[in-house]
Amino acid sequence: TNARADTPEQAEIRSKQIRIAAEGGY
């Protein structure tokens, strides 16, 4: 683990994974 917050790039990757999960691709 680490103590830092997400970078914008990491947040974008997570957003993409959220979209995949929300659209039935979990």
PDB file of all heavy atoms in Angstrom:
ATOM      1  N   THR A   1       0.838  -1.202   0.000  1.00  0.00           N
ATOM      2  CA  THR A   1       0.000   0.000   0.000  1.00  0.00           C
ATOM      3  C   THR A   1       0.867   1.244   0.000  1.00  0.00           C
ATOM      4  O   THR A   1       2.106   1.161  -0.034  1.00  0.00           O
ATOM      5  CB  THR A   1      -0.962  -0.021   1.205  1.00  0.00           C
ATOM      6  OG1 THR A   1      -1.970   0.968   1.026  1.00  0.00           O
ATOM      7  CG2 THR A   1      -0.226   0.199   2.521  1.00  0.00           C
ATOM      8  N   ASN A   2       0.231   2.420   0.040  1.00  0.00           N
ATOM      9  CA  ASN A   2       0.986   3.665   0.104  1.00  0.00           C
ATOM     10  C   ASN A   2       0.129   4.751   0.737  1.00  0.00           C
ATOM     11  O   ASN A   2      -1.082   4.590   0.915  1.00  0.00           O
ATOM     12  CB  ASN A   2       1.487   4.067  -1.286  1.00  0.00           C
ATOM     13  CG  ASN A   2       0.482   4.847  -2.094  1.00  0.00           C
ATOM     14  OD1 ASN A   2       0.584   6.067  -2.208  1.00  0.00           O
ATOM     15  ND2 ASN A   2      -0.503   4.168  -2.675  1.00  0.00           N
ATOM     16  N   ALA A   3       0.752   5.859   1.071  1.00  0.00           N
ATOM     17  CA  ALA A   3       0.070   6.925   1.805  1.00  0.00           C
ATOM     18  C   ALA A   3      -0.420   8.053   0.897  1.00  0.00           C
ATOM     19  O   ALA A   3      -1.049   8.990   1.382  1.00  0.00           O
ATOM     20  CB  ALA A   3       1.005   7.492   2.871  1.00  0.00           C
ATOM     21  N   ARG A   4      -0.155   7.971  -0.390  1.00  0.00           N
ATOM     22  CA  ARG A   4      -0.507   9.066  -1.290  1.00  0.00           C
ATOM     23  C   ARG A   4      -1.926   8.937  -1.825  1.00  0.00           C
ATOM     24  O   ARG A   4      -2.493   7.845  -1.865  1.00  0.00           O
ATOM     25  CB  ARG A   4       0.468   9.110  -2.470  1.00  0.00           C
ATOM     26  CG  ARG A   4       1.914   9.314  -2.057  1.00  0.00           C
ATOM     27  CD  ARG A   4       2.786   9.551  -3.265  1.00  0.00           C
ATOM     28  NE  ARG A   4       4.191   9.723  -2.891  1.00  0.00           N
ATOM     29  CZ  ARG A   4       5.110  10.266  -3.654  1.00  0.00           C
ATOM     30  NH1 ARG A   4       4.774  10.689  -4.875  1.00  0.00           N
ATOM     31  NH2 ARG A   4       6.357  10.386  -3.249  1.00  0.00           N
ATOM     32  N   ALA A   5      -2.482  10.052  -2.257  1.00  0.00           N
ATOM     33  CA  ALA A   5      -3.752  10.031  -2.972  1.00  0.00           C
ATOM     34  C   ALA A   5      -3.521   9.587  -4.416  1.00  0.00           C
ATOM     35  O   ALA A   5      -2.385   9.526  -4.896  1.00  0.00           O
ATOM     36  CB  ALA A   5      -4.382  11.428  -2.945  1.00  0.00           C
ATOM     37  N   ASP A   6      -4.602   9.275  -5.110  1.00  0.00           N
ATOM     38  CA  ASP A   6      -4.502   8.904  -6.518  1.00  0.00           C
ATOM     39  C   ASP A   6      -3.980  10.062  -7.366  1.00  0.00           C
ATOM     40  O   ASP A   6      -4.311  11.228  -7.120  1.00  0.00           O
ATOM     41  CB  ASP A   6      -5.877   8.509  -7.056  1.00  0.00           C
ATOM     42  CG  ASP A   6      -6.095   7.015  -7.097  1.00  0.00           C
ATOM     43  OD1 ASP A   6      -5.223   6.262  -6.623  1.00  0.00           O
ATOM     44  OD2 ASP A   6      -7.154   6.588  -7.591  1.00  0.00           O
ATOM     45  N   THR A   7      -3.206   9.738  -8.376  1.00  0.00           N
ATOM     46  CA  THR A   7      -2.861  10.714  -9.402  1.00  0.00           C
ATOM     47  C   THR A   7      -4.043  10.831 -10.372  1.00  0.00           C
ATOM     48  O   THR A   7      -4.915   9.942 -10.417  1.00  0.00           O
ATOM     49  CB  THR A   7      -1.627  10.269 -10.186  1.00  0.00           C
ATOM     50  OG1 THR A   7      -1.951   9.059 -10.898  1.00  0.00           O
ATOM     51  CG2 THR A   7      -0.439  10.022  -9.264  1.00  0.00           C
ATOM     52  N   PRO A   8      -4.103  11.893 -11.175  1.00  0.00           N
ATOM     53  CA  PRO A   8      -5.174  11.987 -12.177  1.00  0.00           C
ATOM     54  C   PRO A   8      -5.200  10.780 -13.122  1.00  0.00           C
ATOM     55  O   PRO A   8      -6.273  10.322 -13.520  1.00  0.00           O
ATOM     56  CB  PRO A   8      -4.839  13.280 -12.915  1.00  0.00           C
ATOM     57  CG  PRO A   8      -4.105  14.107 -11.906  1.00  0.00           C
ATOM     58  CD  PRO A   8      -3.291  13.135 -11.119  1.00  0.00           C
ATOM     59  N   GLU A   9      -4.022  10.275 -13.456  1.00  0.00           N
ATOM     60  CA  GLU A   9      -3.948   9.116 -14.348  1.00  0.00           C
ATOM     61  C   GLU A   9      -4.549   7.874 -13.688  1.00  0.00           C
ATOM     62  O   GLU A   9      -5.288   7.106 -14.333  1.00  0.00           O
ATOM     63  CB  GLU A   9      -2.496   8.846 -14.742  1.00  0.00           C
ATOM     64  CG  GLU A   9      -1.860   9.923 -15.606  1.00  0.00           C
ATOM     65  CD  GLU A   9      -1.451  11.169 -14.824  1.00  0.00           C
ATOM     66  OE1 GLU A   9      -1.383  11.098 -13.575  1.00  0.00           O
ATOM     67  OE2 GLU A   9      -1.211  12.209 -15.460  1.00  0.00           O
ATOM     68  N   GLN A  10      -4.261   7.672 -12.402  1.00  0.00           N
ATOM     69  CA  GLN A  10      -4.831   6.529 -11.683  1.00  0.00           C
ATOM     70  C   GLN A  10      -6.337   6.673 -11.554  1.00  0.00           C
ATOM     71  O   GLN A  10      -7.080   5.694 -11.716  1.00  0.00           O
ATOM     72  CB  GLN A  10      -4.181   6.425 -10.301  1.00  0.00           C
ATOM     73  CG  GLN A  10      -2.729   5.972 -10.333  1.00  0.00           C
ATOM     74  CD  GLN A  10      -2.048   6.116  -8.987  1.00  0.00           C
ATOM     75  OE1 GLN A  10      -2.311   7.052  -8.223  1.00  0.00           O
ATOM     76  NE2 GLN A  10      -1.162   5.181  -8.676  1.00  0.00           N
ATOM     77  N   ALA A  11      -6.793   7.882 -11.281  1.00  0.00           N
ATOM     78  CA  ALA A  11      -8.226   8.119 -11.157  1.00  0.00           C
ATOM     79  C   ALA A  11      -8.948   7.837 -12.474  1.00  0.00           C
ATOM     80  O   ALA A  11     -10.071   7.295 -12.482  1.00  0.00           O
ATOM     81  CB  ALA A  11      -8.488   9.552 -10.699  1.00  0.00           C
ATOM     82  N   GLU A  12      -8.324   8.170 -13.589  1.00  0.00           N
ATOM     83  CA  GLU A  12      -8.938   7.911 -14.890  1.00  0.00           C
ATOM     84  C   GLU A  12      -9.053   6.412 -15.153  1.00  0.00           C
ATOM     85  O   GLU A  12     -10.067   5.937 -15.694  1.00  0.00           O
ATOM     86  CB  GLU A  12      -8.133   8.575 -16.000  1.00  0.00           C
ATOM     87  CG  GLU A  12      -8.662   8.300 -17.400  1.00  0.00           C
ATOM     88  CD  GLU A  12     -10.139   8.629 -17.571  1.00  0.00           C
ATOM     89  OE1 GLU A  12     -10.621   9.624 -16.979  1.00  0.00           O
ATOM     90  OE2 GLU A  12     -10.824   7.879 -18.296  1.00  0.00           O
ATOM     91  N   ILE A  13      -8.034   5.663 -14.768  1.00  0.00           N
ATOM     92  CA  ILE A  13      -8.095   4.203 -14.912  1.00  0.00           C
ATOM     93  C   ILE A  13      -9.237   3.637 -14.074  1.00  0.00           C
ATOM     94  O   ILE A  13      -9.998   2.764 -14.528  1.00  0.00           O
ATOM     95  CB  ILE A  13      -6.749   3.567 -14.503  1.00  0.00           C
ATOM     96  CG1 ILE A  13      -5.669   3.926 -15.525  1.00  0.00           C
ATOM     97  CG2 ILE A  13      -6.882   2.043 -14.394  1.00  0.00           C
ATOM     98  CD1 ILE A  13      -4.271   3.545 -15.098  1.00  0.00           C
ATOM     99  N   ARG A  14      -9.376   4.129 -12.856  1.00  0.00           N
ATOM    100  CA  ARG A  14     -10.469   3.665 -12.001  1.00  0.00           C
ATOM    101  C   ARG A  14     -11.824   4.037 -12.604  1.00  0.00           C
ATOM    102  O   ARG A  14     -12.767   3.231 -12.571  1.00  0.00           O
ATOM    103  CB  ARG A  14     -10.335   4.253 -10.599  1.00  0.00           C
ATOM    104  CG  ARG A  14      -9.108   3.791  -9.854  1.00  0.00           C
ATOM    105  CD  ARG A  14      -9.119   4.227  -8.396  1.00  0.00           C
ATOM    106  NE  ARG A  14      -7.811   4.100  -7.806  1.00  0.00           N
ATOM    107  CZ  ARG A  14      -7.255   2.968  -7.404  1.00  0.00           C
ATOM    108  NH1 ARG A  14      -7.935   1.832  -7.523  1.00  0.00           N
ATOM    109  NH2 ARG A  14      -6.044   2.936  -6.873  1.00  0.00           N
ATOM    110  N   SER A  15     -11.924   5.225 -13.159  1.00  0.00           N
ATOM    111  CA  SER A  15     -13.178   5.646 -13.788  1.00  0.00           C
ATOM    112  C   SER A  15     -13.548   4.722 -14.943  1.00  0.00           C
ATOM    113  O   SER A  15     -14.725   4.377 -15.128  1.00  0.00           O
ATOM    114  CB  SER A  15     -13.064   7.090 -14.275  1.00  0.00           C
ATOM    115  OG  SER A  15     -12.902   7.984 -13.211  1.00  0.00           O
ATOM    116  N   LYS A  16     -12.552   4.324 -15.697  1.00  0.00           N
ATOM    117  CA  LYS A  16     -12.801   3.397 -16.806  1.00  0.00           C
ATOM    118  C   LYS A  16     -13.298   2.052 -16.281  1.00  0.00           C
ATOM    119  O   LYS A  16     -14.233   1.460 -16.843  1.00  0.00           O
ATOM    120  CB  LYS A  16     -11.524   3.209 -17.620  1.00  0.00           C
ATOM    121  CG  LYS A  16     -11.685   2.272 -18.805  1.00  0.00           C
ATOM    122  CD  LYS A  16     -10.392   2.160 -19.593  1.00  0.00           C
ATOM    123  CE  LYS A  16     -10.554   1.205 -20.771  1.00  0.00           C
ATOM    124  NZ  LYS A  16      -9.289   1.070 -21.559  1.00  0.00           N
ATOM    125  N   GLN A  17     -12.689   1.561 -15.191  1.00  0.00           N
ATOM    126  CA  GLN A  17     -13.117   0.287 -14.614  1.00  0.00           C
ATOM    127  C   GLN A  17     -14.529   0.392 -14.048  1.00  0.00           C
ATOM    128  O   GLN A  17     -15.314  -0.564 -14.133  1.00  0.00           O
ATOM    129  CB  GLN A  17     -12.124  -0.148 -13.532  1.00  0.00           C
ATOM    130  CG  GLN A  17     -10.759  -0.529 -14.104  1.00  0.00           C
ATOM    131  CD  GLN A  17      -9.700  -0.699 -13.041  1.00  0.00           C
ATOM    132  OE1 GLN A  17      -9.910  -0.408 -11.864  1.00  0.00           O
ATOM    133  NE2 GLN A  17      -8.535  -1.186 -13.446  1.00  0.00           N
ATOM    134  N   ILE A  18     -14.867   1.544 -13.482  1.00  0.00           N
ATOM    135  CA  ILE A  18     -16.230   1.766 -13.006  1.00  0.00           C
ATOM    136  C   ILE A  18     -17.215   1.691 -14.166  1.00  0.00           C
ATOM    137  O   ILE A  18     -18.278   1.060 -14.061  1.00  0.00           O
ATOM    138  CB  ILE A  18     -16.326   3.127 -12.280  1.00  0.00           C
ATOM    139  CG1 ILE A  18     -15.638   3.048 -10.912  1.00  0.00           C
ATOM    140  CG2 ILE A  18     -17.793   3.547 -12.107  1.00  0.00           C
ATOM    141  CD1 ILE A  18     -15.529   4.387 -10.210  1.00  0.00           C
ATOM    142  N   ARG A  19     -16.862   2.320 -15.288  1.00  0.00           N
ATOM    143  CA  ARG A  19     -17.749   2.294 -16.461  1.00  0.00           C
ATOM    144  C   ARG A  19     -17.936   0.865 -16.968  1.00  0.00           C
ATOM    145  O   ARG A  19     -19.055   0.464 -17.320  1.00  0.00           O
ATOM    146  CB  ARG A  19     -17.186   3.187 -17.573  1.00  0.00           C
ATOM    147  CG  ARG A  19     -17.269   4.680 -17.263  1.00  0.00           C
ATOM    148  CD  ARG A  19     -17.028   5.518 -18.500  1.00  0.00           C
ATOM    149  NE  ARG A  19     -15.679   5.350 -19.043  1.00  0.00           N
ATOM    150  CZ  ARG A  19     -14.620   6.070 -18.681  1.00  0.00           C
ATOM    151  NH1 ARG A  19     -14.756   7.006 -17.737  1.00  0.00           N
ATOM    152  NH2 ARG A  19     -13.447   5.880 -19.232  1.00  0.00           N
ATOM    153  N   ILE A  20     -16.853   0.105 -16.998  1.00  0.00           N
ATOM    154  CA  ILE A  20     -16.944  -1.296 -17.453  1.00  0.00           C
ATOM    155  C   ILE A  20     -17.880  -2.078 -16.553  1.00  0.00           C
ATOM    156  O   ILE A  20     -18.757  -2.822 -17.026  1.00  0.00           O
ATOM    157  CB  ILE A  20     -15.542  -1.933 -17.490  1.00  0.00           C
ATOM    158  CG1 ILE A  20     -14.699  -1.300 -18.596  1.00  0.00           C
ATOM    159  CG2 ILE A  20     -15.652  -3.445 -17.694  1.00  0.00           C
ATOM    160  CD1 ILE A  20     -13.242  -1.717 -18.563  1.00  0.00           C
ATOM    161  N   ALA A  21     -17.707  -1.915 -15.236  1.00  0.00           N
ATOM    162  CA  ALA A  21     -18.548  -2.639 -14.283  1.00  0.00           C
ATOM    163  C   ALA A  21     -20.004  -2.212 -14.396  1.00  0.00           C
ATOM    164  O   ALA A  21     -20.928  -3.042 -14.368  1.00  0.00           O
ATOM    165  CB  ALA A  21     -18.041  -2.411 -12.859  1.00  0.00           C
ATOM    166  N   ALA A  22     -20.226  -0.910 -14.556  1.00  0.00           N
ATOM    167  CA  ALA A  22     -21.593  -0.384 -14.622  1.00  0.00           C
ATOM    168  C   ALA A  22     -22.305  -0.790 -15.904  1.00  0.00           C
ATOM    169  O   ALA A  22     -23.546  -0.852 -15.933  1.00  0.00           O
ATOM    170  CB  ALA A  22     -21.573   1.129 -14.494  1.00  0.00           C
ATOM    171  N   GLU A  23     -21.530  -1.085 -16.940  1.00  0.00           N
ATOM    172  CA  GLU A  23     -22.116  -1.434 -18.232  1.00  0.00           C
ATOM    173  C   GLU A  23     -22.193  -2.942 -18.456  1.00  0.00           C
ATOM    174  O   GLU A  23     -22.378  -3.403 -19.580  1.00  0.00           O
ATOM    175  CB  GLU A  23     -21.307  -0.767 -19.349  1.00  0.00           C
ATOM    176  CG  GLU A  23     -21.428   0.758 -19.338  1.00  0.00           C
ATOM    177  CD  GLU A  23     -20.451   1.435 -20.279  1.00  0.00           C
ATOM    178  OE1 GLU A  23     -19.692   0.711 -20.977  1.00  0.00           O
ATOM    179  OE2 GLU A  23     -20.429   2.683 -20.316  1.00  0.00           O
ATOM    180  N   GLY A  24     -22.043  -3.712 -17.382  1.00  0.00           N
ATOM    181  CA  GLY A  24     -22.229  -5.156 -17.473  1.00  0.00           C
ATOM    182  C   GLY A  24     -20.981  -5.960 -17.752  1.00  0.00           C
ATOM    183  O   GLY A  24     -21.062  -7.172 -17.974  1.00  0.00           O
ATOM    184  N   GLY A  25     -19.817  -5.317 -17.709  1.00  0.00           N
ATOM    185  CA  GLY A  25     -18.587  -6.034 -18.008  1.00  0.00           C
ATOM    186  C   GLY A  25     -17.750  -6.396 -16.802  1.00  0.00           C
ATOM    187  O   GLY A  25     -16.538  -6.654 -16.932  1.00  0.00           O
ATOM    188  N   TYR A  26     -18.373  -6.446 -15.625  1.00  0.00           N
ATOM    189  CA  TYR A  26     -17.606  -6.666 -14.392  1.00  0.00           C
ATOM    190  C   TYR A  26     -16.838  -7.984 -14.414  1.00  0.00           C
ATOM    191  O   TYR A  26     -15.737  -8.074 -13.870  1.00  0.00           O
ATOM    192  CB  TYR A  26     -18.533  -6.617 -13.184  1.00  0.00           C
ATOM    193  CG  TYR A  26     -17.823  -6.831 -11.871  1.00  0.00           C
ATOM    194  CD1 TYR A  26     -16.889  -5.907 -11.397  1.00  0.00           C
ATOM    195  CD2 TYR A  26     -18.068  -7.960 -11.097  1.00  0.00           C
ATOM    196  CE1 TYR A  26     -16.228  -6.107 -10.192  1.00  0.00           C
ATOM    197  CE2 TYR A  26     -17.426  -8.163  -9.895  1.00  0.00           C
ATOM    198  CZ  TYR A  26     -16.493  -7.229  -9.445  1.00  0.00           C
ATOM    199  OH  TYR A  26     -15.843  -7.438  -8.246  1.00  0.00           O
TER     200      TYR A  26
END
